[in-house]
Amino acid sequence: LPSELFDQARIDGAGEIRLWWQIALPLTKPALAALGTFTFVATWNDFVWPLAVINDLKLMPIQVGVTLLRGMERTGRNDYPIAMASGVLMAVPPVIIFFLFQQYFIRGLTIGALKG
């Protein structure tokens, strides 16, 4: 962030807390929204950590379940409808998160295009 913004706010009498809440935070919202969305998607799609830590199949996340369903074709049990439905359910939360924060992505893309 440009230091001129903070200098001008200090000249106007803003304190440190006001600098962060009214200048820094609004300008970094697009970056924070992108960071939060990417972190959520990376955590949501995590497969190895739950597989290594959780022993009970009932507590496993859906990502592990879909992978285990894919591996059942070797045993002769093909549950393709369940695997496909699970895949759709697995994709819904990241899509919802993206649509909730879409305005911040678009604002972050267009903020550099403004001149003056």
N, C-alpha and C. Protein backbone atom coordinates (compact mmCIF):
# COMPACT_ATOMS: atom_id res chain seq x y z
N LEU A 1 0.84 -1.18 0.00
CA LEU A 1 0.00 0.00 0.00
C LEU A 1 0.88 1.24 0.00
N PRO A 2 0.49 2.26 -0.72
CA PRO A 2 1.30 3.48 -0.78
C PRO A 2 1.37 4.17 0.58
N SER A 3 2.56 4.58 0.94
CA SER A 3 2.74 5.25 2.24
C SER A 3 2.09 6.62 2.24
N GLU A 4 1.84 7.20 1.06
CA GLU A 4 1.19 8.51 1.00
C GLU A 4 -0.21 8.46 1.59
N LEU A 5 -0.90 7.35 1.42
CA LEU A 5 -2.24 7.23 2.00
C LEU A 5 -2.19 7.31 3.52
N PHE A 6 -1.23 6.61 4.10
CA PHE A 6 -1.10 6.63 5.56
C PHE A 6 -0.63 8.00 6.05
N ASP A 7 0.29 8.62 5.31
CA ASP A 7 0.77 9.95 5.70
C ASP A 7 -0.36 10.96 5.66
N GLN A 8 -1.18 10.92 4.62
CA GLN A 8 -2.30 11.86 4.51
C GLN A 8 -3.31 11.64 5.63
N ALA A 9 -3.57 10.40 5.98
CA ALA A 9 -4.51 10.12 7.06
C ALA A 9 -3.95 10.59 8.40
N ARG A 10 -2.64 10.45 8.60
CA ARG A 10 -2.03 10.94 9.84
C ARG A 10 -2.13 12.46 9.92
N ILE A 11 -1.95 13.13 8.78
CA ILE A 11 -2.09 14.59 8.76
C ILE A 11 -3.51 14.99 9.11
N ASP A 12 -4.48 14.20 8.66
CA ASP A 12 -5.89 14.47 8.97
C ASP A 12 -6.26 14.11 10.40
N GLY A 13 -5.33 13.50 11.14
CA GLY A 13 -5.57 13.21 12.55
C GLY A 13 -5.99 11.78 12.85
N ALA A 14 -5.80 10.87 11.92
CA ALA A 14 -6.19 9.47 12.15
C ALA A 14 -5.13 8.77 13.00
N GLY A 15 -5.59 7.94 13.92
CA GLY A 15 -4.70 7.13 14.74
C GLY A 15 -4.36 5.83 14.03
N GLU A 16 -3.54 5.03 14.71
CA GLU A 16 -3.09 3.77 14.10
C GLU A 16 -4.25 2.80 13.85
N ILE A 17 -5.17 2.70 14.80
CA ILE A 17 -6.30 1.78 14.63
C ILE A 17 -7.17 2.22 13.46
N ARG A 18 -7.41 3.52 13.38
CA ARG A 18 -8.22 4.03 12.26
C ARG A 18 -7.51 3.83 10.92
N LEU A 19 -6.19 3.94 10.91
CA LEU A 19 -5.43 3.69 9.68
C LEU A 19 -5.68 2.27 9.17
N TRP A 20 -5.63 1.33 10.09
CA TRP A 20 -5.80 -0.07 9.68
C TRP A 20 -7.24 -0.37 9.30
N TRP A 21 -8.22 0.12 10.07
CA TRP A 21 -9.62 -0.24 9.82
C TRP A 21 -10.24 0.50 8.65
N GLN A 22 -9.81 1.74 8.39
CA GLN A 22 -10.47 2.52 7.34
C GLN A 22 -9.62 2.72 6.09
N ILE A 23 -8.34 2.38 6.16
CA ILE A 23 -7.50 2.53 4.96
C ILE A 23 -6.93 1.19 4.51
N ALA A 24 -6.20 0.53 5.39
CA ALA A 24 -5.50 -0.69 4.99
C ALA A 24 -6.47 -1.84 4.71
N LEU A 25 -7.40 -2.07 5.62
CA LEU A 25 -8.31 -3.21 5.46
C LEU A 25 -9.19 -3.10 4.21
N PRO A 26 -9.83 -1.95 3.94
CA PRO A 26 -10.64 -1.89 2.70
C PRO A 26 -9.82 -2.07 1.43
N LEU A 27 -8.56 -1.61 1.44
CA LEU A 27 -7.74 -1.76 0.24
C LEU A 27 -7.23 -3.18 0.05
N THR A 28 -7.15 -3.94 1.12
CA THR A 28 -6.64 -5.31 1.02
C THR A 28 -7.76 -6.36 1.00
N LYS A 29 -9.01 -5.95 0.99
CA LYS A 29 -10.12 -6.92 0.96
C LYS A 29 -10.04 -7.88 -0.23
N PRO A 30 -9.76 -7.41 -1.45
CA PRO A 30 -9.67 -8.38 -2.55
C PRO A 30 -8.57 -9.42 -2.34
N ALA A 31 -7.43 -8.99 -1.85
CA ALA A 31 -6.34 -9.94 -1.61
C ALA A 31 -6.68 -10.90 -0.49
N LEU A 32 -7.31 -10.40 0.57
CA LEU A 32 -7.71 -11.27 1.68
C LEU A 32 -8.80 -12.26 1.25
N ALA A 33 -9.73 -11.81 0.40
CA ALA A 33 -10.77 -12.71 -0.09
C ALA A 33 -10.16 -13.81 -0.96
N ALA A 34 -9.21 -13.45 -1.80
CA ALA A 34 -8.54 -14.46 -2.64
C ALA A 34 -7.75 -15.43 -1.77
N LEU A 35 -7.04 -14.92 -0.79
CA LEU A 35 -6.28 -15.78 0.10
C LEU A 35 -7.19 -16.73 0.86
N GLY A 36 -8.30 -16.21 1.38
CA GLY A 36 -9.24 -17.06 2.10
C GLY A 36 -9.87 -18.12 1.22
N THR A 37 -10.22 -17.75 0.00
CA THR A 37 -10.83 -18.71 -0.92
C THR A 37 -9.84 -19.80 -1.32
N PHE A 38 -8.62 -19.41 -1.64
CA PHE A 38 -7.61 -20.41 -2.02
C PHE A 38 -7.27 -21.33 -0.86
N THR A 39 -7.21 -20.77 0.35
CA THR A 39 -6.94 -21.59 1.53
C THR A 39 -8.07 -22.57 1.78
N PHE A 40 -9.31 -22.10 1.64
CA PHE A 40 -10.46 -22.99 1.83
C PHE A 40 -10.46 -24.13 0.81
N VAL A 41 -10.23 -23.80 -0.45
CA VAL A 41 -10.25 -24.83 -1.50
C VAL A 41 -9.11 -25.83 -1.28
N ALA A 42 -7.94 -25.34 -0.91
CA ALA A 42 -6.81 -26.25 -0.66
C ALA A 42 -7.09 -27.17 0.52
N THR A 43 -7.69 -26.63 1.57
CA THR A 43 -8.02 -27.44 2.73
C THR A 43 -9.16 -28.40 2.41
N TRP A 44 -10.14 -27.93 1.65
CA TRP A 44 -11.28 -28.76 1.29
C TRP A 44 -10.85 -29.95 0.44
N ASN A 45 -9.89 -29.74 -0.43
CA ASN A 45 -9.43 -30.80 -1.32
C ASN A 45 -8.33 -31.66 -0.72
N ASP A 46 -7.99 -31.43 0.53
CA ASP A 46 -6.92 -32.19 1.16
C ASP A 46 -7.33 -33.65 1.31
N PHE A 47 -6.44 -34.53 0.93
CA PHE A 47 -6.74 -35.96 0.95
C PHE A 47 -5.80 -36.72 1.87
N VAL A 48 -4.53 -36.41 1.82
CA VAL A 48 -3.52 -37.21 2.51
C VAL A 48 -3.62 -37.05 4.02
N TRP A 49 -3.78 -35.83 4.51
CA TRP A 49 -3.80 -35.61 5.96
C TRP A 49 -4.97 -36.34 6.64
N PRO A 50 -6.21 -36.22 6.18
CA PRO A 50 -7.28 -36.99 6.84
C PRO A 50 -7.08 -38.50 6.72
N LEU A 51 -6.54 -38.95 5.61
CA LEU A 51 -6.31 -40.38 5.44
C LEU A 51 -5.27 -40.88 6.43
N ALA A 52 -4.27 -40.06 6.72
CA ALA A 52 -3.21 -40.47 7.64
C ALA A 52 -3.64 -40.37 9.10
N VAL A 53 -4.50 -39.43 9.44
CA VAL A 53 -4.81 -39.15 10.84
C VAL A 53 -6.07 -39.86 11.33
N ILE A 54 -7.10 -39.94 10.51
CA ILE A 54 -8.40 -40.48 10.95
C ILE A 54 -8.45 -41.97 10.68
N ASN A 55 -8.81 -42.73 11.70
CA ASN A 55 -8.88 -44.19 11.56
C ASN A 55 -10.29 -44.70 11.29
N ASP A 56 -11.29 -43.96 11.72
CA ASP A 56 -12.68 -44.40 11.58
C ASP A 56 -13.23 -43.97 10.22
N LEU A 57 -13.74 -44.90 9.44
CA LEU A 57 -14.28 -44.57 8.11
C LEU A 57 -15.47 -43.63 8.18
N LYS A 58 -16.23 -43.67 9.27
CA LYS A 58 -17.40 -42.80 9.40
C LYS A 58 -17.00 -41.34 9.58
N LEU A 59 -15.78 -41.08 10.02
CA LEU A 59 -15.31 -39.71 10.24
C LEU A 59 -14.51 -39.15 9.07
N MET A 60 -14.26 -39.97 8.08
CA MET A 60 -13.47 -39.53 6.92
C MET A 60 -14.25 -38.48 6.12
N PRO A 61 -13.55 -37.49 5.57
CA PRO A 61 -14.23 -36.51 4.72
C PRO A 61 -14.63 -37.12 3.38
N ILE A 62 -15.44 -36.40 2.64
CA ILE A 62 -16.00 -36.93 1.40
C ILE A 62 -14.91 -37.18 0.35
N GLN A 63 -13.82 -36.42 0.38
CA GLN A 63 -12.75 -36.61 -0.59
C GLN A 63 -12.14 -38.00 -0.46
N VAL A 64 -11.95 -38.46 0.77
CA VAL A 64 -11.41 -39.80 0.99
C VAL A 64 -12.43 -40.85 0.56
N GLY A 65 -13.70 -40.60 0.85
CA GLY A 65 -14.75 -41.54 0.47
C GLY A 65 -14.86 -41.73 -1.03
N VAL A 66 -14.77 -40.63 -1.78
CA VAL A 66 -14.85 -40.74 -3.24
C VAL A 66 -13.67 -41.54 -3.78
N THR A 67 -12.50 -41.32 -3.22
CA THR A 67 -11.32 -42.07 -3.66
C THR A 67 -11.46 -43.55 -3.32
N LEU A 68 -12.00 -43.84 -2.15
CA LEU A 68 -12.21 -45.24 -1.78
C LEU A 68 -13.27 -45.89 -2.67
N LEU A 69 -14.30 -45.13 -3.06
CA LEU A 69 -15.32 -45.67 -3.97
C LEU A 69 -14.72 -45.97 -5.34
N ARG A 70 -13.79 -45.14 -5.78
CA ARG A 70 -13.15 -45.40 -7.07
C ARG A 70 -12.33 -46.68 -7.02
N GLY A 71 -11.75 -46.98 -5.88
CA GLY A 71 -10.93 -48.17 -5.75
C GLY A 71 -11.73 -49.45 -5.60
N MET A 72 -13.04 -49.36 -5.39
CA MET A 72 -13.86 -50.55 -5.20
C MET A 72 -14.13 -51.30 -6.50
N GLU A 73 -13.80 -50.72 -7.63
CA GLU A 73 -14.04 -51.44 -8.89
C GLU A 73 -13.13 -52.66 -9.01
N ARG A 74 -12.04 -52.66 -8.28
CA ARG A 74 -11.16 -53.84 -8.28
C ARG A 74 -11.81 -55.02 -7.56
N THR A 75 -12.70 -54.73 -6.64
CA THR A 75 -13.36 -55.81 -5.89
C THR A 75 -14.62 -56.29 -6.59
N GLY A 76 -14.98 -55.68 -7.70
CA GLY A 76 -16.17 -56.09 -8.42
C GLY A 76 -17.41 -55.32 -8.03
N ARG A 77 -17.28 -54.37 -7.12
CA ARG A 77 -18.43 -53.58 -6.68
C ARG A 77 -18.32 -52.19 -7.30
N ASN A 78 -19.16 -51.91 -8.25
CA ASN A 78 -19.11 -50.63 -8.95
C ASN A 78 -20.27 -49.76 -8.48
N ASP A 79 -19.95 -48.74 -7.72
CA ASP A 79 -20.96 -47.80 -7.25
C ASP A 79 -20.76 -46.46 -7.95
N TYR A 80 -20.85 -46.47 -9.27
CA TYR A 80 -20.62 -45.25 -10.03
C TYR A 80 -21.65 -44.16 -9.72
N PRO A 81 -22.94 -44.48 -9.57
CA PRO A 81 -23.89 -43.41 -9.24
C PRO A 81 -23.56 -42.74 -7.91
N ILE A 82 -23.16 -43.51 -6.92
CA ILE A 82 -22.82 -42.94 -5.62
C ILE A 82 -21.54 -42.11 -5.74
N ALA A 83 -20.57 -42.60 -6.50
CA ALA A 83 -19.32 -41.86 -6.68
C ALA A 83 -19.57 -40.54 -7.41
N MET A 84 -20.42 -40.54 -8.43
CA MET A 84 -20.71 -39.32 -9.17
C MET A 84 -21.49 -38.32 -8.31
N ALA A 85 -22.46 -38.81 -7.55
CA ALA A 85 -23.21 -37.92 -6.66
C ALA A 85 -22.29 -37.33 -5.59
N SER A 86 -21.38 -38.14 -5.09
CA SER A 86 -20.43 -37.64 -4.10
C SER A 86 -19.51 -36.59 -4.70
N GLY A 87 -19.11 -36.80 -5.94
CA GLY A 87 -18.27 -35.81 -6.62
C GLY A 87 -18.97 -34.48 -6.79
N VAL A 88 -20.26 -34.53 -7.12
CA VAL A 88 -21.03 -33.29 -7.25
C VAL A 88 -21.16 -32.60 -5.90
N LEU A 89 -21.47 -33.38 -4.86
CA LEU A 89 -21.57 -32.79 -3.52
C LEU A 89 -20.23 -32.22 -3.06
N MET A 90 -19.16 -32.85 -3.47
CA MET A 90 -17.83 -32.39 -3.09
C MET A 90 -17.50 -31.06 -3.77
N ALA A 91 -18.05 -30.81 -4.94
CA ALA A 91 -17.75 -29.58 -5.68
C ALA A 91 -18.62 -28.40 -5.26
N VAL A 92 -19.72 -28.63 -4.57
CA VAL A 92 -20.65 -27.56 -4.25
C VAL A 92 -20.06 -26.51 -3.29
N PRO A 93 -19.47 -26.86 -2.15
CA PRO A 93 -18.97 -25.82 -1.24
C PRO A 93 -17.93 -24.88 -1.84
N PRO A 94 -16.91 -25.35 -2.59
CA PRO A 94 -16.00 -24.37 -3.20
C PRO A 94 -16.69 -23.43 -4.19
N VAL A 95 -17.68 -23.92 -4.91
CA VAL A 95 -18.40 -23.06 -5.85
C VAL A 95 -19.20 -22.01 -5.09
N ILE A 96 -19.82 -22.39 -3.99
CA ILE A 96 -20.57 -21.43 -3.17
C ILE A 96 -19.63 -20.37 -2.60
N ILE A 97 -18.48 -20.80 -2.09
CA ILE A 97 -17.50 -19.85 -1.55
C ILE A 97 -17.04 -18.88 -2.64
N PHE A 98 -16.80 -19.39 -3.84
CA PHE A 98 -16.39 -18.50 -4.93
C PHE A 98 -17.46 -17.47 -5.23
N PHE A 99 -18.72 -17.90 -5.33
CA PHE A 99 -19.78 -16.95 -5.65
C PHE A 99 -20.00 -15.94 -4.52
N LEU A 100 -19.74 -16.33 -3.28
CA LEU A 100 -19.86 -15.38 -2.18
C LEU A 100 -18.79 -14.29 -2.24
N PHE A 101 -17.59 -14.65 -2.67
CA PHE A 101 -16.48 -13.70 -2.70
C PHE A 101 -16.16 -13.20 -4.11
N GLN A 102 -17.02 -13.47 -5.06
CA GLN A 102 -16.77 -13.09 -6.45
C GLN A 102 -16.64 -11.58 -6.61
N GLN A 103 -17.42 -10.82 -5.87
CA GLN A 103 -17.36 -9.36 -5.99
C GLN A 103 -15.98 -8.82 -5.62
N TYR A 104 -15.33 -9.46 -4.65
CA TYR A 104 -14.00 -9.02 -4.25
C TYR A 104 -12.96 -9.37 -5.31
N PHE A 105 -13.13 -10.51 -5.98
CA PHE A 105 -12.21 -10.87 -7.07
C PHE A 105 -12.32 -9.86 -8.20
N ILE A 106 -13.52 -9.53 -8.59
CA ILE A 106 -13.73 -8.60 -9.70
C ILE A 106 -13.24 -7.21 -9.33
N ARG A 107 -13.50 -6.80 -8.09
CA ARG A 107 -13.03 -5.49 -7.63
C ARG A 107 -11.50 -5.46 -7.62
N GLY A 108 -10.88 -6.56 -7.22
CA GLY A 108 -9.42 -6.62 -7.21
C GLY A 108 -8.82 -6.57 -8.60
N LEU A 109 -9.54 -7.13 -9.58
CA LEU A 109 -9.04 -7.10 -10.95
C LEU A 109 -9.19 -5.72 -11.58
N THR A 110 -10.24 -5.00 -11.22
CA THR A 110 -10.49 -3.70 -11.85
C THR A 110 -9.88 -2.54 -11.09
N ILE A 111 -9.40 -2.75 -9.87
CA ILE A 111 -8.89 -1.62 -9.09
C ILE A 111 -7.62 -1.05 -9.70
N GLY A 112 -6.83 -1.88 -10.36
CA GLY A 112 -5.62 -1.38 -10.99
C GLY A 112 -5.87 -0.74 -12.35
N ALA A 113 -7.06 -0.93 -12.89
CA ALA A 113 -7.38 -0.38 -14.21
C ALA A 113 -7.82 1.08 -14.14
N LEU A 114 -8.17 1.55 -12.96
CA LEU A 114 -8.61 2.93 -12.82
C LEU A 114 -7.41 3.85 -12.79
N LYS A 115 -7.54 4.97 -13.46
CA LYS A 115 -6.42 5.90 -13.53
C LYS A 115 -6.87 7.25 -13.02
N GLY A 116 -5.98 7.90 -12.30
CA GLY A 116 -6.28 9.25 -11.87
C GLY A 116 -6.56 9.36 -10.49
